[in-house]
C-alpha atoms as a PDB file:
ATOM      1  CA  MET A   1       0.112  17.052  -9.358  1.00  0.00           C
ATOM      2  CA  GLU A   2       1.816  16.642 -12.631  1.00  0.00           C
ATOM      3  CA  ALA A   3       0.385  13.265 -12.793  1.00  0.00           C
ATOM      4  CA  ASP A   4      -2.738  13.645 -11.669  1.00  0.00           C
ATOM      5  CA  CYS A   5      -2.770  16.245 -15.045  1.00  0.00           C
ATOM      6  CA  ALA A   6      -1.978  13.858 -17.109  1.00  0.00           C
ATOM      7  CA  GLU A   7      -2.937  13.682 -20.900  1.00  0.00           C
ATOM      8  CA  SER A   8      -2.671  10.149 -21.367  1.00  0.00           C
ATOM      9  CA  LYS A   9      -1.929   6.721 -19.431  1.00  0.00           C
ATOM     10  CA  LYS A  10       1.794   6.819 -21.224  1.00  0.00           C
ATOM     11  CA  ASP A  11       1.911  10.292 -20.227  1.00  0.00           C
ATOM     12  CA  PHE A  12       0.516   9.350 -16.424  1.00  0.00           C
ATOM     13  CA  LYS A  13       3.345   6.482 -16.613  1.00  0.00           C
ATOM     14  CA  HIS A  14       6.281   8.891 -17.756  1.00  0.00           C
ATOM     15  CA  LYS A  15       5.630  11.398 -15.127  1.00  0.00           C
ATOM     16  CA  ILE A  16       5.484   8.515 -12.277  1.00  0.00           C
ATOM     17  CA  GLY A  17       8.753   7.935 -13.704  1.00  0.00           C
ATOM     18  CA  ILE A  18       9.991  11.178 -13.471  1.00  0.00           C
ATOM     19  CA  SER A  19       8.989  11.145  -9.384  1.00  0.00           C
ATOM     20  CA  LYS A  20      10.694   7.490  -8.441  1.00  0.00           C
ATOM     21  CA  LYS A  21      14.016   8.839 -10.466  1.00  0.00           C
ATOM     22  CA  GLU A  22      13.911  12.014  -8.104  1.00  0.00           C
ATOM     23  CA  SER A  23      12.840   9.933  -5.250  1.00  0.00           C
ATOM     24  CA  LYS A  24      16.123   7.658  -5.981  1.00  0.00           C
ATOM     25  CA  GLU A  25      18.363  10.451  -6.300  1.00  0.00           C
ATOM     26  CA  THR A  26      17.193  12.034  -2.932  1.00  0.00           C
ATOM     27  CA  THR A  27      18.005   8.707  -1.124  1.00  0.00           C
ATOM     28  CA  TYR A  28      21.386   9.266  -2.487  1.00  0.00           C
ATOM     29  CA  TRP A  29      22.043  12.603  -1.803  1.00  0.00           C
ATOM     30  CA  LEU A  30      20.669  12.162   2.162  1.00  0.00           C
ATOM     31  CA  ARG A  31      23.200   9.231   2.489  1.00  0.00           C
ATOM     32  CA  MET A  32      26.469  11.334   1.451  1.00  0.00           C
ATOM     33  CA  SER A  33      24.686  13.971   3.276  1.00  0.00           C
ATOM     34  CA  ALA A  34      24.607  11.725   6.347  1.00  0.00           C
ATOM     35  CA  ARG A  35      28.221  10.720   5.783  1.00  0.00           C
ATOM     36  CA  THR A  36      29.613  14.297   6.223  1.00  0.00           C
ATOM     37  CA  ASN A  37      27.568  15.111   8.815  1.00  0.00           C
ATOM     38  CA  ALA A  38      27.543  12.886  11.944  1.00  0.00           C
ATOM     39  CA  GLU A  39      25.225  15.386  14.036  1.00  0.00           C
ATOM     40  CA  LYS A  40      22.676  15.076  11.344  1.00  0.00           C
ATOM     41  CA  ILE A  41      22.759  11.583  10.593  1.00  0.00           C
ATOM     42  CA  GLU A  42      19.190  10.489  12.606  1.00  0.00           C
ATOM     43  CA  GLU A  43      18.024  13.120  10.817  1.00  0.00           C
ATOM     44  CA  CYS A  44      19.092  12.172   7.332  1.00  0.00           C
ATOM     45  CA  ARG A  45      18.108   8.170   8.533  1.00  0.00           C
ATOM     46  CA  LYS A  46      14.629   9.277   8.971  1.00  0.00           C
ATOM     47  CA  LEU A  47      14.155  11.281   5.677  1.00  0.00           C
ATOM     48  CA  TRP A  48      16.165   8.559   3.945  1.00  0.00           C
ATOM     49  CA  GLN A  49      13.133   6.093   4.921  1.00  0.00           C
ATOM     50  CA  GLU A  50      10.623   8.812   3.635  1.00  0.00           C
ATOM     51  CA  ALA A  51      12.084   8.700   0.160  1.00  0.00           C
ATOM     52  CA  HIS A  52      12.681   5.055  -0.123  1.00  0.00           C
ATOM     53  CA  GLU A  53       9.161   4.673   0.768  1.00  0.00           C
ATOM     54  CA  LEU A  54       7.836   6.713  -1.833  1.00  0.00           C
ATOM     55  CA  THR A  55      10.535   5.072  -4.299  1.00  0.00           C
ATOM     56  CA  LEU A  56       8.768   1.870  -3.719  1.00  0.00           C
ATOM     57  CA  ILE A  57       5.010   3.139  -4.366  1.00  0.00           C
ATOM     58  CA  PHE A  58       5.940   4.912  -7.496  1.00  0.00           C
ATOM     59  CA  SER A  59       7.475   1.735  -8.150  1.00  0.00           C
ATOM     60  CA  SER A  60       4.440  -0.055  -7.468  1.00  0.00           C
ATOM     61  CA  ILE A  61       2.667   2.704  -9.580  1.00  0.00           C
ATOM     62  CA  ILE A  62       4.300   2.023 -11.999  1.00  0.00           C
ATOM     63  CA  ASN A  63       4.287  -1.484 -12.278  1.00  0.00           C
ATOM     64  CA  ARG A  64       0.268  -1.420 -11.948  1.00  0.00           C
ATOM     65  CA  THR A  65      -0.174   0.815 -15.079  1.00  0.00           C
ATOM     66  CA  ASN A  66      -1.095  -0.756 -18.299  1.00  0.00           C
ATOM     67  CA  ILE A  67       1.010   0.724 -20.713  1.00  0.00           C
ATOM     68  CA  SER A  68       3.902  -0.520 -22.143  1.00  0.00           C
END
């Protein structure tokens, strides 16, 4: 939602970059959670995959945005 209301292409790219960082951080914490909660490993793996896919999507958006 935040990126959709960006004031410029540069602002859009910046906000997508923040989303990418947040999704990467989420994958880290899900990995740590899976290591400490054996009974939740499968759930963490599914959520990790979704967060990883979002990271790839955000990366693609950033790469396709023609702003330095």
